[in-house]
Structure formats: C-alpha cells, structure tokens
C-alpha atoms as a PDB file:
ATOM      1  CA  MET A   1     -20.296   9.454 -17.063  1.00  0.00           C
ATOM      2  CA  GLU A   2     -16.575   8.836 -17.658  1.00  0.00           C
ATOM      3  CA  ARG A   3     -15.069   6.886 -14.784  1.00  0.00           C
ATOM      4  CA  GLY A   4     -11.643   7.515 -13.376  1.00  0.00           C
ATOM      5  CA  LEU A   5      -9.237  10.340 -14.096  1.00  0.00           C
ATOM      6  CA  VAL A   6      -9.649  12.171 -17.410  1.00  0.00           C
ATOM      7  CA  VAL A   7      -7.100  14.836 -18.380  1.00  0.00           C
ATOM      8  CA  ARG A   8      -7.438  16.876 -21.547  1.00  0.00           C
ATOM      9  CA  GLY A   9      -5.083  19.467 -22.998  1.00  0.00           C
ATOM     10  CA  LEU A  10      -2.920  19.841 -19.885  1.00  0.00           C
ATOM     11  CA  THR A  11      -0.354  22.563 -20.539  1.00  0.00           C
ATOM     12  CA  LYS A  12       2.255  24.132 -18.285  1.00  0.00           C
ATOM     13  CA  ARG A  13       4.843  26.764 -19.218  1.00  0.00           C
ATOM     14  CA  PHE A  14       7.777  28.215 -17.316  1.00  0.00           C
ATOM     15  CA  ASP A  15       9.230  31.527 -18.490  1.00  0.00           C
ATOM     16  CA  GLY A  16       7.943  30.965 -22.001  1.00  0.00           C
ATOM     17  CA  LYS A  17       9.187  27.374 -22.184  1.00  0.00           C
ATOM     18  CA  THR A  18       6.516  24.679 -22.501  1.00  0.00           C
ATOM     19  CA  ALA A  19       7.126  21.847 -20.025  1.00  0.00           C
ATOM     20  CA  VAL A  20       3.827  20.025 -20.630  1.00  0.00           C
ATOM     21  CA  ASP A  21       2.244  20.471 -24.029  1.00  0.00           C
ATOM     22  CA  GLY A  22      -1.463  19.640 -24.456  1.00  0.00           C
ATOM     23  CA  LEU A  23      -1.310  16.357 -22.544  1.00  0.00           C
ATOM     24  CA  ASP A  24      -4.255  13.932 -22.712  1.00  0.00           C
ATOM     25  CA  VAL A  25      -4.390  11.118 -20.138  1.00  0.00           C
ATOM     26  CA  ASP A  26      -7.046   8.602 -19.088  1.00  0.00           C
ATOM     27  CA  LEU A  27      -6.636   6.511 -15.938  1.00  0.00           C
ATOM     28  CA  SER A  28      -9.341   4.016 -15.019  1.00  0.00           C
ATOM     29  CA  PRO A  29     -10.083   2.493 -11.599  1.00  0.00           C
ATOM     30  CA  GLY A  30      -7.920  -0.579 -11.044  1.00  0.00           C
ATOM     31  CA  GLU A  31      -5.467   0.438 -13.776  1.00  0.00           C
ATOM     32  CA  THR A  32      -1.734   1.040 -13.420  1.00  0.00           C
ATOM     33  CA  VAL A  33       0.025   3.300 -15.919  1.00  0.00           C
ATOM     34  CA  ALA A  34       3.780   3.860 -16.104  1.00  0.00           C
ATOM     35  CA  VAL A  35       5.007   7.235 -17.334  1.00  0.00           C
ATOM     36  CA  VAL A  36       8.488   7.103 -18.828  1.00  0.00           C
ATOM     37  CA  GLY A  37      10.570   9.581 -20.762  1.00  0.00           C
ATOM     38  CA  PRO A  38      13.958  11.301 -21.002  1.00  0.00           C
ATOM     39  CA  ASN A  39      15.089  13.769 -18.368  1.00  0.00           C
ATOM     40  CA  GLY A  40      13.104  16.967 -18.803  1.00  0.00           C
ATOM     41  CA  ALA A  41      10.237  15.245 -20.619  1.00  0.00           C
ATOM     42  CA  GLY A  42       7.655  16.761 -18.241  1.00  0.00           C
ATOM     43  CA  LYS A  43       6.905  13.779 -15.997  1.00  0.00           C
ATOM     44  CA  SER A  44       7.285  15.481 -12.616  1.00  0.00           C
ATOM     45  CA  THR A  45       5.607  18.661 -13.835  1.00  0.00           C
ATOM     46  CA  THR A  46       2.643  16.609 -15.029  1.00  0.00           C
ATOM     47  CA  PHE A  47       2.309  14.922 -11.647  1.00  0.00           C
ATOM     48  CA  LEU A  48       2.530  18.229  -9.779  1.00  0.00           C
ATOM     49  CA  CYS A  49      -0.190  19.731 -11.997  1.00  0.00           C
ATOM     50  CA  LEU A  50      -2.463  16.708 -11.521  1.00  0.00           C
ATOM     51  CA  ALA A  51      -1.997  16.855  -7.754  1.00  0.00           C
ATOM     52  CA  GLY A  52      -2.808  20.568  -7.633  1.00  0.00           C
ATOM     53  CA  LEU A  53       0.662  21.697  -6.530  1.00  0.00           C
ATOM     54  CA  LEU A  54       1.209  23.571  -9.795  1.00  0.00           C
ATOM     55  CA  ARG A  55      -1.445  25.565 -11.613  1.00  0.00           C
ATOM     56  CA  PRO A  56      -1.704  24.510 -15.290  1.00  0.00           C
ATOM     57  CA  ASP A  57      -1.810  27.202 -17.944  1.00  0.00           C
ATOM     58  CA  ALA A  58      -4.486  25.276 -19.839  1.00  0.00           C
ATOM     59  CA  GLY A  59      -6.425  22.034 -19.789  1.00  0.00           C
ATOM     60  CA  THR A  60      -9.018  20.223 -17.692  1.00  0.00           C
ATOM     61  CA  ILE A  61      -8.740  17.560 -14.984  1.00  0.00           C
ATOM     62  CA  ALA A  62     -11.828  15.567 -14.038  1.00  0.00           C
ATOM     63  CA  PHE A  63     -12.596  12.516 -11.942  1.00  0.00           C
ATOM     64  CA  ASP A  64     -15.706  10.412 -12.523  1.00  0.00           C
ATOM     65  CA  GLY A  65     -17.048  13.124 -14.804  1.00  0.00           C
ATOM     66  CA  ARG A  66     -16.610  15.992 -12.332  1.00  0.00           C
ATOM     67  CA  PRO A  67     -13.992  18.734 -12.658  1.00  0.00           C
ATOM     68  CA  LEU A  68     -11.567  18.631  -9.742  1.00  0.00           C
ATOM     69  CA  GLY A  69     -11.422  21.671  -7.515  1.00  0.00           C
ATOM     70  CA  ALA A  70     -10.860  22.248  -3.829  1.00  0.00           C
ATOM     71  CA  GLU A  71     -11.557  18.584  -3.011  1.00  0.00           C
ATOM     72  CA  ARG A  72      -8.674  17.353  -5.162  1.00  0.00           C
ATOM     73  CA  GLY A  73      -6.667  16.318  -2.096  1.00  0.00           C
ATOM     74  CA  GLN A  74      -9.362  13.752  -1.301  1.00  0.00           C
ATOM     75  CA  THR A  75      -9.130  12.320  -4.829  1.00  0.00           C
ATOM     76  CA  ILE A  76      -5.466  12.454  -5.905  1.00  0.00           C
ATOM     77  CA  ALA A  77      -2.483  11.702  -3.673  1.00  0.00           C
ATOM     78  CA  LEU A  78       1.129  12.239  -4.724  1.00  0.00           C
ATOM     79  CA  ILE A  79       4.377  10.705  -3.553  1.00  0.00           C
ATOM     80  CA  PRO A  80       6.858  13.265  -4.925  1.00  0.00           C
ATOM     81  CA  GLU A  81      10.296  12.556  -6.326  1.00  0.00           C
ATOM     82  CA  ALA A  82      12.031  14.266  -3.394  1.00  0.00           C
ATOM     83  CA  PRO A  83      11.079  12.506  -0.122  1.00  0.00           C
ATOM     84  CA  ASP A  84      10.500  15.652   1.941  1.00  0.00           C
ATOM     85  CA  VAL A  85       8.884  15.113   5.330  1.00  0.00           C
ATOM     86  CA  TYR A  86       8.036  17.484   8.166  1.00  0.00           C
ATOM     87  CA  PRO A  87      11.299  17.705  10.132  1.00  0.00           C
ATOM     88  CA  MET A  88       9.685  18.093  13.559  1.00  0.00           C
ATOM     89  CA  LEU A  89       6.997  15.416  13.225  1.00  0.00           C
ATOM     90  CA  THR A  90       7.679  11.810  14.110  1.00  0.00           C
ATOM     91  CA  VAL A  91       6.899   9.009  11.690  1.00  0.00           C
ATOM     92  CA  TRP A  92       3.731   8.196  13.634  1.00  0.00           C
ATOM     93  CA  GLU A  93       2.694  11.851  13.742  1.00  0.00           C
ATOM     94  CA  HIS A  94       2.927  11.980   9.934  1.00  0.00           C
ATOM     95  CA  LEU A  95       0.420   9.133   9.740  1.00  0.00           C
ATOM     96  CA  ALA A  96      -1.859  10.687  12.347  1.00  0.00           C
ATOM     97  CA  PHE A  97      -1.755  14.005  10.480  1.00  0.00           C
ATOM     98  CA  VAL A  98      -2.810  12.371   7.204  1.00  0.00           C
ATOM     99  CA  ALA A  99      -5.515  10.407   9.014  1.00  0.00           C
ATOM    100  CA  ALA A 100      -6.949  13.648  10.386  1.00  0.00           C
ATOM    101  CA  LEU A 101      -6.786  15.423   7.025  1.00  0.00           C
ATOM    102  CA  THR A 102      -8.500  12.583   5.174  1.00  0.00           C
ATOM    103  CA  ARG A 103     -11.107  11.915   7.866  1.00  0.00           C
ATOM    104  CA  ARG A 104     -10.038   8.317   8.334  1.00  0.00           C
ATOM    105  CA  PRO A 105     -12.610   6.260  10.286  1.00  0.00           C
ATOM    106  CA  ALA A 106     -12.096   4.881  13.761  1.00  0.00           C
ATOM    107  CA  GLY A 107      -9.590   2.060  13.689  1.00  0.00           C
ATOM    108  CA  TRP A 108      -7.153   3.704  11.276  1.00  0.00           C
ATOM    109  CA  GLU A 109      -4.422   3.080  13.817  1.00  0.00           C
ATOM    110  CA  SER A 110      -4.359  -0.656  13.133  1.00  0.00           C
ATOM    111  CA  ARG A 111      -3.840  -0.087   9.410  1.00  0.00           C
ATOM    112  CA  ALA A 112      -1.141   2.463  10.172  1.00  0.00           C
ATOM    113  CA  GLU A 113       0.652  -0.005  12.447  1.00  0.00           C
ATOM    114  CA  SER A 114       0.467  -2.628   9.696  1.00  0.00           C
ATOM    115  CA  LEU A 115       2.018  -0.244   7.170  1.00  0.00           C
ATOM    116  CA  LEU A 116       4.841   0.592   9.574  1.00  0.00           C
ATOM    117  CA  GLU A 117       5.590  -3.083  10.046  1.00  0.00           C
ATOM    118  CA  ARG A 118       5.438  -3.903   6.336  1.00  0.00           C
ATOM    119  CA  LEU A 119       7.774  -1.040   5.463  1.00  0.00           C
ATOM    120  CA  GLU A 120      10.174  -1.744   8.361  1.00  0.00           C
ATOM    121  CA  LEU A 121       9.295   1.531  10.063  1.00  0.00           C
ATOM    122  CA  SER A 122       8.112   0.185  13.412  1.00  0.00           C
ATOM    123  CA  GLY A 123      11.504   0.865  14.969  1.00  0.00           C
ATOM    124  CA  GLU A 124      11.367   4.459  13.674  1.00  0.00           C
ATOM    125  CA  ARG A 125       7.846   5.140  14.947  1.00  0.00           C
ATOM    126  CA  ASP A 126       8.943   7.950  17.271  1.00  0.00           C
ATOM    127  CA  THR A 127      11.828   9.263  15.165  1.00  0.00           C
ATOM    128  CA  LEU A 128      11.598  12.865  13.998  1.00  0.00           C
ATOM    129  CA  GLY A 129      11.561  13.504  10.271  1.00  0.00           C
ATOM    130  CA  HIS A 130      14.878  15.346  10.202  1.00  0.00           C
ATOM    131  CA  ALA A 131      16.628  12.304  11.720  1.00  0.00           C
ATOM    132  CA  LEU A 132      15.390   9.822   9.096  1.00  0.00           C
ATOM    133  CA  SER A 133      17.542   8.498   6.274  1.00  0.00           C
ATOM    134  CA  LYS A 134      16.423   9.164   2.701  1.00  0.00           C
ATOM    135  CA  GLY A 135      15.017   5.651   2.385  1.00  0.00           C
ATOM    136  CA  MET A 136      13.113   5.940   5.661  1.00  0.00           C
ATOM    137  CA  ARG A 137      11.702   9.304   4.591  1.00  0.00           C
ATOM    138  CA  GLN A 138      10.518   7.682   1.368  1.00  0.00           C
ATOM    139  CA  LYS A 139       8.887   4.851   3.300  1.00  0.00           C
ATOM    140  CA  THR A 140       7.198   7.353   5.631  1.00  0.00           C
ATOM    141  CA  LEU A 141       5.674   9.174   2.661  1.00  0.00           C
ATOM    142  CA  ILE A 142       4.533   5.882   1.142  1.00  0.00           C
ATOM    143  CA  ALA A 143       2.875   4.787   4.387  1.00  0.00           C
ATOM    144  CA  ALA A 144       1.159   8.144   4.898  1.00  0.00           C
ATOM    145  CA  THR A 145      -0.051   8.349   1.295  1.00  0.00           C
ATOM    146  CA  VAL A 146      -1.397   4.799   1.232  1.00  0.00           C
ATOM    147  CA  LEU A 147      -3.130   5.413   4.556  1.00  0.00           C
ATOM    148  CA  GLY A 148      -4.960   8.389   3.011  1.00  0.00           C
ATOM    149  CA  ASP A 149      -6.753   5.953   0.665  1.00  0.00           C
ATOM    150  CA  ALA A 150      -7.194   8.378  -2.245  1.00  0.00           C
ATOM    151  CA  PRO A 151      -8.765   6.733  -5.327  1.00  0.00           C
ATOM    152  CA  VAL A 152      -5.937   8.039  -7.547  1.00  0.00           C
ATOM    153  CA  LEU A 153      -2.310   7.611  -6.491  1.00  0.00           C
ATOM    154  CA  LEU A 154       0.604   9.267  -8.299  1.00  0.00           C
ATOM    155  CA  LEU A 155       4.134   8.054  -7.567  1.00  0.00           C
ATOM    156  CA  ASP A 156       7.099   9.972  -8.938  1.00  0.00           C
ATOM    157  CA  GLU A 157      10.127   7.628  -9.071  1.00  0.00           C
ATOM    158  CA  PRO A 158       8.816   5.640  -6.067  1.00  0.00           C
ATOM    159  CA  MET A 159      11.602   3.015  -6.002  1.00  0.00           C
ATOM    160  CA  VAL A 160      14.467   5.500  -5.717  1.00  0.00           C
ATOM    161  CA  GLY A 161      16.051   5.306  -2.279  1.00  0.00           C
ATOM    162  CA  LEU A 162      14.337   2.056  -1.284  1.00  0.00           C
ATOM    163  CA  ASP A 163      16.319  -1.054  -0.396  1.00  0.00           C
ATOM    164  CA  PRO A 164      15.421  -4.344  -2.170  1.00  0.00           C
ATOM    165  CA  LEU A 165      13.018  -5.420   0.586  1.00  0.00           C
ATOM    166  CA  GLY A 166      11.322  -2.024   0.517  1.00  0.00           C
ATOM    167  CA  GLN A 167      10.959  -2.204  -3.263  1.00  0.00           C
ATOM    168  CA  ARG A 168       9.387  -5.649  -3.042  1.00  0.00           C
ATOM    169  CA  GLU A 169       6.978  -4.567  -0.316  1.00  0.00           C
ATOM    170  CA  LEU A 170       5.987  -1.465  -2.283  1.00  0.00           C
ATOM    171  CA  ARG A 171       5.217  -3.648  -5.314  1.00  0.00           C
ATOM    172  CA  THR A 172       3.018  -5.826  -3.092  1.00  0.00           C
ATOM    173  CA  ILE A 173       1.245  -2.787  -1.639  1.00  0.00           C
ATOM    174  CA  LEU A 174       0.619  -1.351  -5.116  1.00  0.00           C
ATOM    175  CA  ALA A 175      -0.772  -4.669  -6.330  1.00  0.00           C
ATOM    176  CA  GLY A 176      -3.202  -4.662  -3.406  1.00  0.00           C
ATOM    177  CA  LEU A 177      -4.303  -1.100  -4.118  1.00  0.00           C
ATOM    178  CA  ARG A 178      -4.847  -1.945  -7.761  1.00  0.00           C
ATOM    179  CA  ALA A 179      -6.925  -4.996  -6.821  1.00  0.00           C
ATOM    180  CA  ASP A 180      -9.041  -2.752  -4.572  1.00  0.00           C
ATOM    181  CA  GLY A 181      -9.837  -0.484  -7.526  1.00  0.00           C
ATOM    182  CA  HIS A 182      -7.350   2.329  -7.015  1.00  0.00           C
ATOM    183  CA  ALA A 183      -5.979   4.023 -10.138  1.00  0.00           C
ATOM    184  CA  LEU A 184      -2.181   4.194 -10.082  1.00  0.00           C
ATOM    185  CA  MET A 185       0.269   6.204 -12.143  1.00  0.00           C
ATOM    186  CA  PHE A 186       4.007   6.138 -11.566  1.00  0.00           C
ATOM    187  CA  SER A 187       7.065   7.529 -13.280  1.00  0.00           C
ATOM    188  CA  THR A 188      10.363   5.694 -13.596  1.00  0.00           C
ATOM    189  CA  HIS A 189      13.488   5.286 -15.685  1.00  0.00           C
ATOM    190  CA  GLN A 190      13.571   1.541 -14.943  1.00  0.00           C
ATOM    191  CA  LEU A 191      11.789   0.224 -18.029  1.00  0.00           C
ATOM    192  CA  GLU A 192      11.781  -3.483 -17.204  1.00  0.00           C
ATOM    193  CA  SER A 193      10.585  -2.836 -13.643  1.00  0.00           C
ATOM    194  CA  ALA A 194       7.831  -0.634 -15.029  1.00  0.00           C
ATOM    195  CA  ALA A 195       6.819  -3.368 -17.463  1.00  0.00           C
ATOM    196  CA  ALA A 196       6.262  -5.796 -14.601  1.00  0.00           C
ATOM    197  CA  LEU A 197       3.941  -3.395 -12.779  1.00  0.00           C
ATOM    198  CA  CYS A 198       1.866  -1.566 -15.371  1.00  0.00           C
ATOM    199  CA  ASP A 199      -1.068  -2.178 -17.708  1.00  0.00           C
ATOM    200  CA  ARG A 200       0.046   0.559 -20.090  1.00  0.00           C
ATOM    201  CA  MET A 201       3.026   2.803 -20.686  1.00  0.00           C
ATOM    202  CA  LEU A 202       2.940   6.455 -21.626  1.00  0.00           C
ATOM    203  CA  ILE A 203       6.156   7.672 -23.194  1.00  0.00           C
ATOM    204  CA  LEU A 204       6.643  11.420 -22.830  1.00  0.00           C
ATOM    205  CA  ASP A 205       9.071  13.567 -24.762  1.00  0.00           C
ATOM    206  CA  HIS A 206       9.212  17.354 -24.752  1.00  0.00           C
ATOM    207  CA  GLY A 207       6.001  17.476 -22.739  1.00  0.00           C
ATOM    208  CA  ARG A 208       3.951  15.371 -25.164  1.00  0.00           C
ATOM    209  CA  VAL A 209       2.742  11.787 -25.191  1.00  0.00           C
ATOM    210  CA  VAL A 210       4.667  10.284 -28.104  1.00  0.00           C
ATOM    211  CA  ALA A 211       3.489   6.712 -27.463  1.00  0.00           C
ATOM    212  CA  ALA A 212       0.733   5.110 -25.382  1.00  0.00           C
ATOM    213  CA  ALA A 213       0.590   1.334 -25.503  1.00  0.00           C
ATOM    214  CA  THR A 214       0.650  -1.887 -23.547  1.00  0.00           C
ATOM    215  CA  VAL A 215       4.014  -3.472 -22.869  1.00  0.00           C
ATOM    216  CA  ASP A 216       3.226  -6.248 -25.351  1.00  0.00           C
ATOM    217  CA  GLU A 217       2.422  -3.668 -28.044  1.00  0.00           C
ATOM    218  CA  LEU A 218       5.725  -1.908 -27.402  1.00  0.00           C
ATOM    219  CA  ARG A 219       7.682  -5.165 -27.473  1.00  0.00           C
ATOM    220  CA  ALA A 220       6.003  -6.056 -30.776  1.00  0.00           C
ATOM    221  CA  ARG A 221       7.894  -3.173 -32.381  1.00  0.00           C
ATOM    222  CA  GLY A 222      11.004  -5.340 -32.093  1.00  0.00           C
ATOM    223  CA  GLY A 223      14.039  -5.220 -29.851  1.00  0.00           C
ATOM    224  CA  SER A 224      14.193  -4.606 -26.121  1.00  0.00           C
ATOM    225  CA  LEU A 225      12.045  -2.050 -24.343  1.00  0.00           C
ATOM    226  CA  GLU A 226      15.153   0.106 -24.110  1.00  0.00           C
ATOM    227  CA  ASP A 227      15.641  -0.075 -27.876  1.00  0.00           C
ATOM    228  CA  VAL A 228      11.982   0.782 -28.502  1.00  0.00           C
ATOM    229  CA  PHE A 229      12.124   3.672 -26.015  1.00  0.00           C
ATOM    230  CA  LEU A 230      15.294   5.112 -27.574  1.00  0.00           C
ATOM    231  CA  ASP A 231      13.846   4.809 -31.057  1.00  0.00           C
ATOM    232  CA  ILE A 232      10.601   6.563 -30.095  1.00  0.00           C
ATOM    233  CA  THR A 233      12.340   9.414 -28.266  1.00  0.00           C
ATOM    234  CA  ALA A 234      15.179   9.903 -30.788  1.00  0.00           C
ATOM    235  CA  THR A 235      15.433  13.532 -31.808  1.00  0.00           C
END
C-alpha cells in the first residue's frame, strides 16, 4: 500500500484553457513540499482540486492507497490564499465549529486556547470575523485548520498578511506538525523562505511540474535559487 497522498494525472480546464495539466504529486507522512511557480502556473487551482473545492477534469487522488471521496475533508485541510472567514462567527466560534466538524475529542478546548495564545489571538477571542484585520483572519484560519488535525495540510501562500512574529510562530507550528507525521504542502513566491522549510520543491509552469528536486539539488545547478527558478521557467 502506498502511504501518504498520491496524485496522478490531475487535470483541470477552464473554458478550454488548461490550468493544471496531468499533474503527478507524491506527499509522504512527515514530508514538507514547497510548490513554486510564476503567476498563473496552476498552484492555487491544484490546491483547490486536491481539497475537493474544484472538480478535476481528469486524474486520481488517493491517500494511503484509497481513493478520496466524501471523507476528503477528514484527510486534507486547506488554508486558502484569500483569508475568508465567516463574518458573523467569532474567532472562538470558528474553532468550535471546526472541532465539531472534525469530531475532536474532549479537551480540544485547551489546544484551541494554546493556538490562540501562540498566534496572538487571545485578545480577539470574541471578535466577529468581519471585524478582524487581514492578518488576524489569516491567523484564525491557521488556528482552525491546525486544530482540525488533518493528516494532509495544504497552505496557499500562508505567510502573506502575517507579521514577523506570526510568520515565526507559523514556522514553529509547521515544524511540530511535520514532526508528528503530518504531510505538508505549501505554495509561495518567497524562494529562500521556502528552502528553509521544505524537503523538496516542485516548480510548476503552465500547469505542469517542470522540476521536482531537493533544495540542494536545485542549488547544485549553479547560481541562486532565483536564478535556477528563472532559468527553469524561462519561456
């Protein structure tokens, strides 16, 4: 049985234009993969398809050897690029809602309180979603998603909108999840930051994986990561 997330031939088209073109991805437990690419490369579309928010036109998505269906929400969690929260739920109610959906065991409240403190959300505990700043909305989504404890976590540009302390705390949280065996995949345009967090990089261009390698393997091509990235994605 193949462990972790296995994606084969993922394809998504919009009005005849192919956004994701036959994508193959493997993501093992305890592994962190960074997905990088030019604007329009298909990163967000890929994440939305994996999370079940877009229906692919072709391809298969399996976890631990089983095709993902209605239970996908228990397996894959997504922090989307746009930090949209429920406007009439408080920060705490977002966490309670996720706890109910994911059947968290008794005692989830203590972990939720810890996440609020770590992400500097304790003072916003009773603030409604529509009154939160962009950064606080992002932190709310991070806290709620981490609380859900899905084995696969997708993060689309997770550092955008976070202050330096929030970015550092998120890196610490992700390191803990990785150590606990969670599979992590995140997209970013910050190549050096990605290099510090990931085991492998996938470089996407025009909906295809044009390079899949460790950071050391990419650096061995010569030049900075930026130079390597620009060379690989040159059209």
